[in-house]
Amino acid sequence: MKYGRLKKIASDHKISKPATFERLRAGGLFYLDKYSSSSDNLRRLLMRRVYKSAILHETDPVEGAEFVDNIIAKFMKSGILDDAEYARMKIESLSRRGASHKMIKQKLMTKGVDLDIINKILDQFIDDTGKREIDAAIAYIKRRKLGVYRLKDRDKFKEKDMAALSRQGFSYDIAKKMINIDDEYDFDQIDDIF
């Protein structure tokens, strides 16, 4: 991280206390109490506190990084922090919202979840629920009112609807077939279309 940017951020906020092991641990627990997180995401959050403390209080950032590593290891050992469980929760949530498998992988990777964990949990989720890419596309179309769910000028917006599906990570083939479905009841016979 760049110290210049952090120096400005630190000066804009109220003066904080130095980052000690106990303060970092308490901050991590407070964050996990409010939000679910991956280990890498929590590490980044705590390291921002370490760098801010290094700027404001001239604490040692190397020592702070060791504190953060120890805290993350203890949280993972105790089960407070679990990347596989975090991935499972995010996959379920994003799938309900209509995210493609590609989009789900991308979002989890930005949160620092290992690709092997993502693939394993995603494959298990698909096997357990039968949720496929097509089901996610249907959920997205319904939520955004695209294609057959568009009330006016459906033909006029076909290209835009396909582009919206593509931006969500769905393949061209899926986007084209989903947007060209003429009747919402055709979604019941979706397997015949694909």
Protein backbone atom coordinates (compact mmCIF):
# COMPACT_ATOMS: atom_id res chain seq x y z
CA MET A 1 0.00 0.00 0.00
CA LYS A 2 1.08 3.54 -0.53
CA TYR A 3 1.77 5.49 2.64
CA GLY A 4 0.84 8.83 1.02
CA ARG A 5 -2.74 7.80 0.42
CA LEU A 6 -3.02 6.31 3.89
CA LYS A 7 -1.53 9.44 5.43
CA LYS A 8 -4.33 11.49 3.89
CA ILE A 9 -6.98 8.99 5.00
CA ALA A 10 -5.51 8.90 8.49
CA SER A 11 -5.46 12.68 8.78
CA ASP A 12 -9.10 12.92 7.64
CA HIS A 13 -10.32 10.63 10.42
CA LYS A 14 -10.27 10.99 14.14
CA ILE A 15 -7.03 10.06 15.82
CA SER A 16 -7.05 6.36 16.58
CA LYS A 17 -5.12 4.37 19.15
CA PRO A 18 -2.01 2.36 18.27
CA ALA A 19 -2.64 -1.08 16.74
CA THR A 20 -1.82 -3.62 19.42
CA PHE A 21 -2.52 -7.34 19.33
CA GLU A 22 -5.58 -6.95 21.57
CA ARG A 23 -7.00 -3.99 19.65
CA LEU A 24 -6.56 -5.77 16.32
CA ARG A 25 -8.12 -8.94 17.75
CA ALA A 26 -11.07 -6.99 19.15
CA GLY A 27 -11.48 -5.14 15.85
CA GLY A 28 -11.46 -8.42 13.94
CA LEU A 29 -14.06 -9.95 16.26
CA PHE A 30 -16.23 -6.83 15.99
CA TYR A 31 -16.06 -6.97 12.19
CA LEU A 32 -16.87 -10.70 12.09
CA ASP A 33 -19.77 -10.13 14.45
CA LYS A 34 -21.34 -7.78 11.91
CA TYR A 35 -20.19 -9.26 8.58
CA SER A 36 -19.12 -12.58 7.16
CA SER A 37 -15.65 -12.46 5.66
CA SER A 38 -12.92 -14.48 4.06
CA SER A 39 -9.57 -14.72 5.79
CA ASP A 40 -7.87 -12.62 3.11
CA ASN A 41 -10.54 -9.90 3.30
CA LEU A 42 -10.17 -9.70 7.10
CA ARG A 43 -6.38 -9.62 6.72
CA ARG A 44 -6.65 -6.62 4.37
CA LEU A 45 -8.97 -4.83 6.79
CA LEU A 46 -6.68 -5.39 9.77
CA MET A 47 -3.58 -4.44 7.78
CA ARG A 48 -5.16 -1.08 6.94
CA ARG A 49 -5.37 -0.49 10.69
CA VAL A 50 -1.74 -1.54 11.08
CA TYR A 51 -0.56 0.88 8.37
CA LYS A 52 -2.69 3.69 9.77
CA SER A 53 -1.16 3.08 13.19
CA ALA A 54 2.32 3.06 11.67
CA ILE A 55 1.70 6.48 10.18
CA LEU A 56 0.00 8.09 13.16
CA HIS A 57 1.82 6.43 16.05
CA GLU A 58 5.02 5.23 14.38
CA THR A 59 4.35 1.62 15.35
CA ASP A 60 6.21 -1.16 13.57
CA PRO A 61 4.19 -2.41 10.57
CA VAL A 62 6.15 -5.69 10.48
CA GLU A 63 5.18 -6.43 14.07
CA GLY A 64 1.59 -5.47 13.23
CA ALA A 65 1.62 -7.87 10.27
CA GLU A 66 2.75 -10.66 12.61
CA PHE A 67 -0.13 -9.78 14.95
CA VAL A 68 -2.57 -9.99 12.04
CA ASP A 69 -1.20 -13.35 10.88
CA ASN A 70 -1.53 -14.75 14.42
CA ILE A 71 -5.07 -13.42 14.77
CA ILE A 72 -6.15 -14.88 11.42
CA ALA A 73 -4.59 -18.25 12.32
CA LYS A 74 -6.38 -18.31 15.71
CA PHE A 75 -9.70 -17.33 14.16
CA MET A 76 -9.38 -20.06 11.53
CA LYS A 77 -8.34 -22.67 14.09
CA SER A 78 -11.31 -21.85 16.33
CA GLY A 79 -13.75 -21.87 13.40
CA ILE A 80 -14.72 -18.21 13.70
CA LEU A 81 -13.25 -17.67 10.26
CA ASP A 82 -13.83 -20.31 7.57
CA ASP A 83 -13.22 -19.60 3.90
CA ALA A 84 -15.19 -22.65 2.74
CA GLU A 85 -18.26 -21.67 4.77
CA TYR A 86 -17.94 -18.07 3.57
CA ALA A 87 -17.78 -19.30 -0.03
CA ARG A 88 -20.83 -21.52 0.53
CA MET A 89 -22.88 -18.62 1.92
CA LYS A 90 -21.84 -16.25 -0.88
CA ILE A 91 -22.54 -18.84 -3.58
CA GLU A 92 -26.05 -19.43 -2.23
CA SER A 93 -26.73 -15.71 -1.95
CA LEU A 94 -25.36 -14.76 -5.35
CA SER A 95 -27.07 -17.69 -7.02
CA ARG A 96 -30.46 -16.62 -5.65
CA ARG A 97 -29.86 -13.17 -7.13
CA GLY A 98 -29.13 -14.67 -10.54
CA ALA A 99 -25.34 -14.42 -10.73
CA SER A 100 -23.62 -16.67 -13.25
CA HIS A 101 -21.00 -19.15 -12.12
CA LYS A 102 -18.35 -17.00 -13.75
CA MET A 103 -19.54 -13.92 -11.81
CA ILE A 104 -19.65 -15.89 -8.55
CA LYS A 105 -16.06 -17.07 -9.04
CA GLN A 106 -14.90 -13.55 -9.83
CA LYS A 107 -16.56 -12.02 -6.75
CA LEU A 108 -15.16 -14.70 -4.43
CA MET A 109 -11.68 -14.37 -5.90
CA THR A 110 -11.72 -10.61 -5.25
CA LYS A 111 -12.51 -11.42 -1.62
CA GLY A 112 -9.40 -13.61 -1.51
CA VAL A 113 -10.99 -17.05 -1.50
CA ASP A 114 -8.77 -19.72 -3.07
CA LEU A 115 -9.91 -20.90 -6.52
CA ASP A 116 -9.75 -24.58 -5.48
CA ILE A 117 -12.16 -23.87 -2.59
CA ILE A 118 -14.47 -21.92 -4.90
CA ASN A 119 -14.58 -24.70 -7.52
CA LYS A 120 -15.12 -27.41 -4.91
CA ILE A 121 -17.95 -25.56 -3.14
CA LEU A 122 -19.57 -24.46 -6.42
CA ASP A 123 -19.55 -28.02 -7.80
CA GLN A 124 -20.98 -29.31 -4.52
CA PHE A 125 -23.66 -26.59 -4.57
CA ILE A 126 -24.67 -27.49 -8.12
CA ASP A 127 -24.83 -31.21 -7.23
CA ASP A 128 -26.84 -30.60 -4.03
CA THR A 129 -29.36 -28.10 -5.37
CA GLY A 130 -29.43 -28.81 -9.08
CA LYS A 131 -28.94 -25.05 -9.61
CA ARG A 132 -27.48 -24.62 -13.00
CA GLU A 133 -26.38 -21.66 -15.05
CA ILE A 134 -29.78 -21.63 -16.75
CA ASP A 135 -31.59 -21.34 -13.41
CA ALA A 136 -29.38 -18.41 -12.46
CA ALA A 137 -30.14 -16.75 -15.80
CA ILE A 138 -33.89 -17.18 -15.21
CA ALA A 139 -33.57 -15.63 -11.74
CA TYR A 140 -31.63 -12.68 -13.19
CA ILE A 141 -34.13 -12.15 -16.01
CA LYS A 142 -37.04 -12.16 -13.56
CA ARG A 143 -35.30 -9.81 -11.13
CA ARG A 144 -34.27 -7.31 -13.79
CA LYS A 145 -37.48 -7.74 -15.85
CA LEU A 146 -35.66 -8.59 -19.05
CA GLY A 147 -36.81 -10.52 -22.08
CA VAL A 148 -40.28 -11.99 -21.69
CA TYR A 149 -40.75 -10.07 -18.41
CA ARG A 150 -40.27 -6.71 -20.12
CA LEU A 151 -43.69 -5.08 -20.39
CA LYS A 152 -43.13 -2.72 -23.34
CA ASP A 153 -41.03 -2.70 -26.50
CA ARG A 154 -39.54 -6.12 -25.94
CA ASP A 155 -38.12 -6.43 -29.47
CA LYS A 156 -36.56 -2.99 -29.24
CA PHE A 157 -34.53 -3.96 -26.15
CA LYS A 158 -33.44 -7.48 -27.18
CA GLU A 159 -29.83 -6.47 -27.77
CA LYS A 160 -29.64 -4.52 -24.51
CA ASP A 161 -31.13 -7.44 -22.59
CA MET A 162 -28.59 -9.82 -24.13
CA ALA A 163 -25.80 -7.38 -23.24
CA ALA A 164 -27.05 -7.26 -19.63
CA LEU A 165 -26.90 -11.05 -19.43
CA SER A 166 -23.43 -11.07 -20.97
CA ARG A 167 -22.18 -8.53 -18.43
CA GLN A 168 -23.42 -10.87 -15.72
CA GLY A 169 -21.12 -13.56 -17.11
CA PHE A 170 -23.63 -15.69 -19.03
CA SER A 171 -22.51 -17.14 -22.35
CA TYR A 172 -23.79 -15.73 -25.64
CA ASP A 173 -25.67 -18.98 -26.31
CA ILE A 174 -27.55 -18.84 -23.00
CA ALA A 175 -28.25 -15.11 -23.34
CA LYS A 176 -29.62 -15.48 -26.87
CA LYS A 177 -31.87 -18.44 -26.03
CA MET A 178 -33.15 -16.88 -22.81
CA ILE A 179 -34.02 -13.54 -24.43
CA ASN A 180 -35.70 -15.24 -27.40
CA ILE A 181 -38.13 -17.22 -25.23
CA ASP A 182 -41.57 -15.89 -26.19
CA ASP A 183 -43.69 -16.95 -23.24
CA GLU A 184 -42.82 -17.01 -19.55
CA TYR A 185 -44.41 -20.44 -19.30
CA ASP A 186 -41.69 -21.74 -21.62
CA PHE A 187 -39.35 -21.50 -18.62
CA ASP A 188 -41.12 -24.61 -17.28
CA GLN A 189 -39.96 -26.55 -20.35
CA ILE A 190 -36.48 -24.97 -20.32
CA ASP A 191 -34.77 -28.37 -20.67
CA ASP A 192 -36.43 -28.85 -24.07
CA ILE A 193 -34.98 -25.55 -25.28
CA PHE A 194 -31.43 -26.32 -24.20
